[in-house]
Amino acid sequence: MGLDDKIGNAADKLGGKGKEAAGNATGDRDLQAEGQGDQAKGDVKQAGEKLKDAFKKD
């Protein structure tokens, strides 16, 4: 996994956590759900990169 990919995935997750927290604090369920979605997107991207790395090592 490239460093740029790792940083991007971490940014998705961190931004998602921030949105979720802001949604919780303000009672904005849409923002909360968007934050959870961003976190899930970061997780999926990270899993895909790890899978690519596993095949590159062989």
Protein backbone atom coordinates (compact mmCIF):
# COMPACT_ATOMS: atom_id res chain seq x y z
CA MET A 1 0.00 0.00 0.00
CA GLY A 2 1.41 3.35 -0.96
CA LEU A 3 1.88 6.09 1.58
CA ASP A 4 -0.56 8.34 -0.28
CA ASP A 5 -3.22 5.64 -0.10
CA LYS A 6 -2.64 5.11 3.62
CA ILE A 7 -2.93 8.84 4.29
CA GLY A 8 -6.09 9.13 2.19
CA ASN A 9 -7.74 6.19 3.90
CA ALA A 10 -6.84 7.54 7.33
CA ALA A 11 -8.22 10.95 6.33
CA ASP A 12 -11.52 9.36 5.29
CA LYS A 13 -11.80 7.60 8.61
CA LEU A 14 -10.78 10.62 10.67
CA GLY A 15 -13.10 12.94 8.78
CA GLY A 16 -15.89 10.45 9.22
CA LYS A 17 -15.33 10.29 12.95
CA GLY A 18 -15.47 14.07 13.11
CA LYS A 19 -18.71 14.22 11.15
CA GLU A 20 -20.23 11.50 13.29
CA ALA A 21 -19.24 13.32 16.49
CA ALA A 22 -20.62 16.60 15.16
CA GLY A 23 -23.86 14.86 14.21
CA ASN A 24 -24.12 13.34 17.67
CA ALA A 25 -23.47 16.70 19.34
CA THR A 26 -26.03 18.58 17.27
CA GLY A 27 -28.61 15.82 16.91
CA ASP A 28 -28.14 15.84 13.12
CA ARG A 29 -28.78 12.22 12.15
CA ASP A 30 -27.92 12.84 8.50
CA LEU A 31 -24.47 14.17 9.40
CA GLN A 32 -23.97 11.29 11.82
CA ALA A 33 -24.85 8.76 9.11
CA GLU A 34 -22.60 10.51 6.59
CA GLY A 35 -19.73 10.26 9.05
CA GLN A 36 -20.35 6.57 9.57
CA GLY A 37 -20.40 6.11 5.81
CA ASP A 38 -17.10 7.92 5.40
CA GLN A 39 -15.53 5.68 8.03
CA ALA A 40 -16.84 2.58 6.28
CA LYS A 41 -15.50 3.86 2.95
CA GLY A 42 -12.05 4.29 4.51
CA ASP A 43 -12.19 0.77 5.94
CA VAL A 44 -13.15 -0.75 2.58
CA LYS A 45 -10.39 1.12 0.76
CA GLN A 46 -7.85 0.02 3.36
CA ALA A 47 -8.95 -3.61 3.04
CA GLY A 48 -8.63 -3.41 -0.75
CA GLU A 49 -5.12 -1.98 -0.50
CA LYS A 50 -4.09 -4.73 1.93
CA LEU A 51 -5.41 -7.33 -0.49
CA LYS A 52 -3.40 -5.80 -3.33
CA ASP A 53 -0.29 -5.81 -1.13
CA ALA A 54 -0.80 -9.48 -0.31
CA PHE A 55 -0.77 -10.39 -4.01
CA LYS A 56 2.25 -8.20 -4.74
CA LYS A 57 4.38 -10.07 -2.18
CA ASP A 58 3.88 -13.43 -3.92
